[in-house]
Amino acid sequence: MSVTTTYTVTGMTCGHCVQAVTDEITSLPGVEAVNVELASGAVTVVSTDALGQDAVAAAVDEAGYVLAP
């Protein structure tokens, strides 16, 4: 069973931003798919289990952006 969660990421302005966030979140264990909408900052993640918010925030931070509270 997959878990789908949507987060909001701030600071993204271009396709490179989208790719950086996608790459970092995809590297988290259990992540099956990541969809980033640049205009809204919405990041939808499909994973095998629920991901910890801290893990997602750390991945987004590694990409150079901020996970909105």
C-alpha atoms as a PDB file:
ATOM      1  CA  MET A   1       0.000   0.000   0.000  1.00  0.00           C
ATOM      2  CA  SER A   2       1.372   3.382  -0.991  1.00  0.00           C
ATOM      3  CA  VAL A   3       1.154   6.582   1.017  1.00  0.00           C
ATOM      4  CA  THR A   4       0.694   9.909  -0.798  1.00  0.00           C
ATOM      5  CA  THR A   5       1.620  13.112   1.003  1.00  0.00           C
ATOM      6  CA  THR A   6       1.774  16.681  -0.274  1.00  0.00           C
ATOM      7  CA  TYR A   7       4.212  19.230   1.121  1.00  0.00           C
ATOM      8  CA  THR A   8       4.890  22.863   0.258  1.00  0.00           C
ATOM      9  CA  VAL A   9       8.416  23.951  -0.602  1.00  0.00           C
ATOM     10  CA  THR A  10       9.393  27.616  -0.739  1.00  0.00           C
ATOM     11  CA  GLY A  11      12.150  29.289  -2.707  1.00  0.00           C
ATOM     12  CA  MET A  12      11.906  27.349  -5.979  1.00  0.00           C
ATOM     13  CA  THR A  13      12.026  29.559  -9.078  1.00  0.00           C
ATOM     14  CA  CYS A  14      13.023  27.362 -12.036  1.00  0.00           C
ATOM     15  CA  GLY A  15      13.283  23.907 -13.529  1.00  0.00           C
ATOM     16  CA  HIS A  16      16.673  23.362 -11.889  1.00  0.00           C
ATOM     17  CA  CYS A  17      15.019  23.949  -8.509  1.00  0.00           C
ATOM     18  CA  VAL A  18      12.362  21.355  -9.315  1.00  0.00           C
ATOM     19  CA  GLN A  19      15.007  18.817 -10.344  1.00  0.00           C
ATOM     20  CA  ALA A  20      17.127  19.413  -7.239  1.00  0.00           C
ATOM     21  CA  VAL A  21      14.157  18.905  -4.902  1.00  0.00           C
ATOM     22  CA  THR A  22      12.974  15.874  -6.872  1.00  0.00           C
ATOM     23  CA  ASP A  23      16.426  14.259  -6.755  1.00  0.00           C
ATOM     24  CA  GLU A  24      16.889  14.768  -3.008  1.00  0.00           C
ATOM     25  CA  ILE A  25      13.431  13.498  -2.041  1.00  0.00           C
ATOM     26  CA  THR A  26      13.691  10.552  -4.440  1.00  0.00           C
ATOM     27  CA  SER A  27      16.840   9.463  -2.589  1.00  0.00           C
ATOM     28  CA  LEU A  28      14.859   8.903   0.638  1.00  0.00           C
ATOM     29  CA  PRO A  29      14.156   5.231   1.420  1.00  0.00           C
ATOM     30  CA  GLY A  30      10.753   4.040   0.248  1.00  0.00           C
ATOM     31  CA  VAL A  31      10.007   6.922  -2.113  1.00  0.00           C
ATOM     32  CA  GLU A  32       8.312   5.661  -5.268  1.00  0.00           C
ATOM     33  CA  ALA A  33       7.443   8.943  -7.025  1.00  0.00           C
ATOM     34  CA  VAL A  34       7.819  12.698  -6.619  1.00  0.00           C
ATOM     35  CA  ASN A  35       5.820  15.363  -8.451  1.00  0.00           C
ATOM     36  CA  VAL A  36       6.804  19.024  -8.018  1.00  0.00           C
ATOM     37  CA  GLU A  37       4.557  21.891  -9.156  1.00  0.00           C
ATOM     38  CA  LEU A  38       6.812  24.927  -9.511  1.00  0.00           C
ATOM     39  CA  ALA A  39       4.061  27.567  -9.553  1.00  0.00           C
ATOM     40  CA  SER A  40       2.463  26.519  -6.259  1.00  0.00           C
ATOM     41  CA  GLY A  41       5.459  24.916  -4.575  1.00  0.00           C
ATOM     42  CA  ALA A  42       3.409  21.747  -4.012  1.00  0.00           C
ATOM     43  CA  VAL A  43       5.478  18.581  -3.775  1.00  0.00           C
ATOM     44  CA  THR A  44       3.531  15.329  -3.860  1.00  0.00           C
ATOM     45  CA  VAL A  45       5.414  12.272  -2.671  1.00  0.00           C
ATOM     46  CA  VAL A  46       4.309   8.659  -3.080  1.00  0.00           C
ATOM     47  CA  SER A  47       6.111   6.268  -0.747  1.00  0.00           C
ATOM     48  CA  THR A  48       5.810   2.739   0.569  1.00  0.00           C
ATOM     49  CA  ASP A  49       5.394   4.040   4.129  1.00  0.00           C
ATOM     50  CA  ALA A  50       4.754   7.437   5.695  1.00  0.00           C
ATOM     51  CA  LEU A  51       7.885   9.570   5.633  1.00  0.00           C
ATOM     52  CA  GLY A  52       8.959  11.549   8.642  1.00  0.00           C
ATOM     53  CA  GLN A  53       8.556  15.299   8.193  1.00  0.00           C
ATOM     54  CA  ASP A  54      12.108  15.771   9.495  1.00  0.00           C
ATOM     55  CA  ALA A  55      13.511  13.488   6.782  1.00  0.00           C
ATOM     56  CA  VAL A  56      11.637  15.349   4.044  1.00  0.00           C
ATOM     57  CA  ALA A  57      12.670  18.729   5.490  1.00  0.00           C
ATOM     58  CA  ALA A  58      16.319  17.605   5.566  1.00  0.00           C
ATOM     59  CA  ALA A  59      16.161  16.454   1.925  1.00  0.00           C
ATOM     60  CA  VAL A  60      14.583  19.741   0.839  1.00  0.00           C
ATOM     61  CA  ASP A  61      17.197  21.659   2.843  1.00  0.00           C
ATOM     62  CA  GLU A  62      19.967  19.652   1.166  1.00  0.00           C
ATOM     63  CA  ALA A  63      18.561  20.802  -2.185  1.00  0.00           C
ATOM     64  CA  GLY A  64      18.763  24.404  -0.949  1.00  0.00           C
ATOM     65  CA  TYR A  65      15.109  25.111  -0.244  1.00  0.00           C
ATOM     66  CA  VAL A  66      12.729  25.227   2.702  1.00  0.00           C
ATOM     67  CA  LEU A  67       9.840  22.950   3.620  1.00  0.00           C
ATOM     68  CA  ALA A  68       6.948  25.188   4.683  1.00  0.00           C
ATOM     69  CA  PRO A  69       5.538  24.475   8.151  1.00  0.00           C
END
